[in-house]
């Protein structure tokens, strides 16, 4: 008998929540998290997994918008957010 001990959502939440919270005031960290989501989108086969990743991308974007004072930093995060969202959407079209 094989019993799953973790869900995709649980693993992603554990990996992203605390780091995401710190990324509110760190452009570099927010950008890297969004780049990680874009890369992970390539192997996220199930719609519910892509939804989890999109939820985290949304939270990263909102947090950076609220926490970063510099407009150029906000733009850098927004560009990565759009790329991550597009990667998740593109993957959905191929699934």
Protein backbone atom coordinates (compact mmCIF):
# COMPACT_ATOMS: atom_id res chain seq x y z
CA UNK A 1 0.00 0.00 0.00
CA UNK A 2 1.28 3.44 -0.92
CA UNK A 3 -0.11 6.36 0.99
CA UNK A 4 0.74 9.87 -0.20
CA UNK A 5 2.23 11.92 2.61
CA UNK A 6 2.24 15.25 0.82
CA UNK A 7 0.19 17.02 -1.79
CA UNK A 8 1.58 19.27 -4.50
CA UNK A 9 -0.17 22.20 -2.84
CA UNK A 10 1.32 21.33 0.56
CA UNK A 11 4.83 21.09 -0.83
CA UNK A 12 4.51 24.35 -2.78
CA UNK A 13 3.01 26.14 0.23
CA UNK A 14 5.84 24.91 2.46
CA UNK A 15 8.44 25.94 -0.10
CA UNK A 16 7.03 29.37 -0.90
CA UNK A 17 5.05 30.90 1.99
CA UNK A 18 7.82 32.09 4.27
CA UNK A 19 10.18 33.05 1.44
CA UNK A 20 7.34 34.85 -0.35
CA UNK A 21 6.60 36.85 2.79
CA UNK A 22 10.20 38.08 2.89
CA UNK A 23 10.10 38.91 -0.82
CA UNK A 24 7.69 41.81 -0.23
CA UNK A 25 10.68 44.10 0.25
CA UNK A 26 13.26 42.28 -1.87
CA UNK A 27 13.13 42.72 -5.62
CA UNK A 28 15.75 40.03 -6.20
CA UNK A 29 13.88 37.49 -4.11
CA UNK A 30 10.49 38.25 -5.71
CA UNK A 31 12.02 37.98 -9.19
CA UNK A 32 13.70 34.63 -8.39
CA UNK A 33 10.49 33.20 -6.93
CA UNK A 34 8.55 34.15 -10.04
CA UNK A 35 11.27 32.69 -12.26
CA UNK A 36 11.05 29.48 -10.23
CA UNK A 37 7.30 29.38 -10.80
CA UNK A 38 7.83 29.84 -14.55
CA UNK A 39 10.28 26.93 -14.64
CA UNK A 40 8.04 24.76 -12.48
CA UNK A 41 5.15 25.46 -14.86
CA UNK A 42 6.90 23.23 -17.41
CA UNK A 43 6.32 20.16 -15.22
CA UNK A 44 2.98 21.14 -13.67
CA UNK A 45 0.69 18.83 -15.61
CA UNK A 46 -2.52 19.07 -13.61
CA UNK A 47 -4.73 22.17 -13.71
CA UNK A 48 -4.96 22.22 -9.92
CA UNK A 49 -1.16 22.27 -9.67
CA UNK A 50 -0.94 25.20 -12.07
CA UNK A 51 -3.63 26.96 -10.01
CA UNK A 52 -1.50 26.58 -6.88
CA UNK A 53 1.49 28.08 -8.68
CA UNK A 54 -0.64 30.92 -10.05
CA UNK A 55 -1.96 31.65 -6.57
CA UNK A 56 1.59 32.04 -5.31
CA UNK A 57 2.58 34.18 -8.30
CA UNK A 58 -0.42 36.43 -7.56
CA UNK A 59 0.59 36.77 -3.90
CA UNK A 60 4.19 37.57 -4.83
CA UNK A 61 3.04 40.24 -7.27
CA UNK A 62 0.63 41.84 -4.79
CA UNK A 63 3.21 41.78 -2.01
CA UNK A 64 5.91 43.35 -4.16
CA UNK A 65 3.53 46.02 -5.41
CA UNK A 66 2.68 46.94 -1.83
CA UNK A 67 6.17 46.57 -0.36
CA UNK A 68 8.61 47.86 -2.96
CA UNK A 69 8.97 51.65 -3.06
CA UNK A 70 10.95 51.87 -6.32
CA UNK A 71 8.86 51.88 -9.52
CA UNK A 72 11.58 50.18 -11.58
CA UNK A 73 11.73 47.34 -9.05
CA UNK A 74 7.96 46.98 -9.26
CA UNK A 75 8.25 46.84 -13.06
CA UNK A 76 10.90 44.10 -12.88
CA UNK A 77 8.65 42.02 -10.65
CA UNK A 78 5.64 42.69 -12.88
CA UNK A 79 7.57 41.52 -15.96
CA UNK A 80 8.47 38.26 -14.22
CA UNK A 81 4.89 37.90 -13.00
CA UNK A 82 3.58 38.20 -16.55
CA UNK A 83 6.17 35.66 -17.76
CA UNK A 84 5.27 33.20 -14.98
CA UNK A 85 1.55 33.58 -15.63
CA UNK A 86 2.13 33.11 -19.36
CA UNK A 87 4.19 29.97 -18.71
CA UNK A 88 1.37 28.57 -16.59
CA UNK A 89 -1.19 29.46 -19.24
CA UNK A 90 0.97 28.04 -22.07
CA UNK A 91 1.38 24.79 -20.15
CA UNK A 92 -2.40 24.62 -19.71
CA UNK A 93 -2.80 24.79 -23.48
CA UNK A 94 -0.45 21.83 -23.95
CA UNK A 95 -1.91 19.64 -21.22
